[in-house]
Protein backbone atom coordinates (compact mmCIF):
# COMPACT_ATOMS: atom_id res chain seq x y z
CA MET A 1 131.35 76.96 72.81
CA ARG A 2 132.20 75.42 76.16
CA LYS A 3 133.94 78.64 77.28
CA ILE A 4 130.82 80.62 76.45
CA ALA A 5 128.68 78.21 78.49
CA LEU A 6 131.06 78.49 81.46
CA LEU A 7 131.09 82.28 81.17
CA PHE A 8 127.28 82.31 81.06
CA CYS A 9 127.11 80.15 84.22
CA LEU A 10 129.55 82.45 86.00
CA VAL A 11 127.56 85.56 85.05
CA MET A 12 124.29 83.95 86.17
CA ALA A 13 125.85 82.88 89.48
CA LEU A 14 127.13 86.39 90.12
CA ALA A 15 123.72 87.82 89.25
CA GLY A 16 122.16 85.42 91.76
CA CYS A 17 124.65 86.54 94.41
CA GLN A 18 123.78 90.16 93.69
CA ARG A 19 120.05 89.49 94.11
CA ALA A 20 120.70 87.56 97.34
CA LYS A 21 122.80 90.43 98.68
CA GLU A 22 119.94 92.84 97.98
CA SER A 23 117.22 90.64 99.46
CA ALA A 24 116.95 92.58 102.73
CA PRO A 25 113.56 94.32 103.10
CA VAL A 26 113.63 97.99 102.13
CA TRP A 27 109.92 98.71 102.72
CA THR A 28 107.04 96.95 104.48
CA ALA A 29 103.30 97.61 104.61
CA GLU A 30 100.57 96.07 106.71
CA LEU A 31 97.66 95.05 104.46
CA ASP A 32 93.98 95.27 105.23
CA GLY A 33 92.93 91.82 106.37
CA GLY A 34 96.14 91.03 108.22
CA GLY A 35 98.66 90.35 105.46
CA THR A 36 101.91 92.13 104.69
CA ALA A 37 103.72 93.42 101.61
CA VAL A 38 107.53 93.44 101.74
CA LEU A 39 109.70 95.05 99.07
CA SER A 40 113.27 93.78 98.65
CA GLY A 41 115.93 93.27 95.99
CA CYS A 42 116.36 96.98 95.41
CA THR A 43 117.31 100.27 96.98
CA LEU A 44 114.49 102.51 98.18
CA LEU A 45 115.26 105.97 96.78
CA SER A 46 112.23 107.83 98.14
CA GLU A 47 108.70 107.58 99.51
CA GLU A 48 106.34 110.20 98.13
CA THR A 49 102.71 110.55 97.14
CA ALA A 50 101.22 110.63 93.65
CA VAL A 51 97.80 111.23 92.17
CA TYR A 52 96.45 108.19 90.34
CA THR A 53 93.57 108.65 87.92
CA PRO A 54 92.13 105.43 86.47
CA LYS A 55 91.58 105.74 82.70
CA GLY A 56 92.72 109.40 82.98
CA GLU A 57 89.22 110.47 84.03
CA GLY A 58 88.00 112.21 87.18
CA THR A 59 89.93 113.84 89.99
CA GLY A 60 92.06 110.84 90.95
CA GLN A 61 93.17 109.54 94.32
CA THR A 62 96.34 110.18 96.28
CA LEU A 63 98.48 107.04 96.60
CA PRO A 64 101.82 106.25 98.22
CA MET A 65 104.60 106.24 95.63
CA LEU A 66 107.92 104.42 95.99
CA ARG A 67 110.96 105.14 93.82
CA VAL A 68 113.35 102.17 93.73
CA GLU A 69 116.53 101.20 91.93
CA GLY A 70 117.50 97.62 91.19
CA LEU A 71 115.44 94.46 90.72
CA PRO A 72 112.41 94.87 93.02
CA VAL A 73 110.80 91.80 94.52
CA LEU A 74 107.46 92.20 96.29
CA THR A 75 106.51 89.42 98.73
CA VAL A 76 102.87 89.35 99.80
CA THR A 77 101.43 87.29 102.63
CA GLY A 78 97.80 86.83 103.62
CA MET A 79 96.36 87.36 100.11
CA GLU A 80 95.25 85.16 97.24
CA PRO A 81 96.73 85.64 93.72
CA GLU A 82 93.45 87.06 92.41
CA GLN A 83 93.68 89.83 95.05
CA VAL A 84 96.93 91.12 93.50
CA ASP A 85 96.95 93.28 90.36
CA VAL A 86 100.00 94.83 88.70
CA GLN A 87 99.42 97.36 85.92
CA PHE A 88 101.51 99.97 84.14
CA ALA A 89 101.23 103.47 85.55
CA HIS A 90 101.73 106.06 82.82
CA GLN A 91 103.00 109.46 83.91
CA MET A 92 100.68 112.33 82.92
CA THR A 93 102.49 115.11 84.79
CA GLU A 94 104.98 115.14 87.65
CA ASN A 95 103.65 112.74 90.31
CA ALA A 96 100.39 112.18 88.42
CA TYR A 97 99.72 108.79 86.83
CA THR A 98 97.03 106.88 84.92
CA ASP A 99 96.55 103.36 83.53
CA GLU A 100 94.81 104.32 80.30
CA ARG A 101 97.45 103.42 77.69
CA SER A 102 98.29 99.73 78.01
CA GLN A 103 98.15 96.70 80.24
CA THR A 104 100.93 94.59 81.67
CA LEU A 105 101.60 91.10 80.44
CA PRO A 106 102.15 88.61 83.26
CA LYS A 107 105.34 86.60 82.74
CA ALA A 108 106.72 89.34 80.43
CA ASP A 109 106.51 92.51 82.52
CA TYR A 110 106.44 90.75 85.90
CA ARG A 111 106.39 87.23 87.32
CA MET A 112 104.22 86.16 90.24
CA THR A 113 104.82 82.82 91.92
CA GLU A 114 102.98 81.24 94.82
CA GLN A 115 105.29 79.72 97.42
CA GLU A 116 104.67 76.56 99.48
CA ASP A 117 103.86 78.72 102.53
CA GLY A 118 101.10 80.51 100.56
CA SER A 119 103.03 83.76 100.12
CA LEU A 120 103.13 85.41 96.71
CA VAL A 121 106.42 86.62 95.26
CA ILE A 122 106.27 89.20 92.47
CA PHE A 123 109.46 89.83 90.48
CA LEU A 124 109.44 93.21 88.71
CA ASP A 125 112.37 92.73 86.35
CA THR A 126 111.50 95.63 84.05
CA VAL A 127 112.17 99.35 84.45
CA TYR A 128 108.62 100.63 84.21
CA ASP A 129 106.24 102.53 86.44
CA PHE A 130 103.60 100.29 88.01
CA ARG A 131 100.39 100.59 89.99
CA VAL A 132 100.30 97.68 92.40
CA GLN A 133 96.94 96.82 93.96
CA ILE A 134 96.78 94.31 96.79
CA GLY A 135 93.25 93.87 98.05
CA GLU A 136 91.92 97.43 98.28
CA GLN A 137 95.33 99.06 98.81
CA ASN A 138 97.26 100.69 95.95
CA TRP A 139 100.80 101.96 95.44
CA ILE A 140 102.71 103.50 92.59
CA LEU A 141 106.11 101.87 92.15
CA ILE A 142 108.67 103.69 89.99
CA CYS A 143 111.55 101.41 88.95
CA TYR A 144 115.04 102.50 87.90
CA ARG A 145 118.08 100.45 86.96
CA GLU A 146 121.63 101.60 86.33
CA GLY A 147 122.40 101.77 82.64
CA LEU A 148 118.76 101.44 81.57
CA ARG A 149 116.84 104.19 83.33
CA GLU A 150 118.52 106.55 85.74
CA PRO A 151 116.69 108.28 88.61
């Protein structure tokens, strides 16, 4: 049993090292109202645009779309927690998404923590497609991870 516990600690330490190695910002956005959004912990594969149609109705709006691989971490400054919304984005057709099928579960599909400096850190540890809304700005974030979902 002790060997298993030591092996677990070693694996967790290595996983922590991997996340620290990948903590360099891969994408940054200036937010309306003076804040920033910084994406780290992953590799940015591409920046594209997608059409997002809430509830699958209407003509939709064109949003920036980021394809990433790894364990994305989004750090937000200058916003309150209630100004941040993370929802699943379900693909309808290529580069067309909606939110009509299901809702995310905080602490299961993502974790948001408020830091002492007031920044918000959002850990997206799952390999789903998300619509991230910060204030009035929206992005589609497509997450891949080796061995689970390949780009």
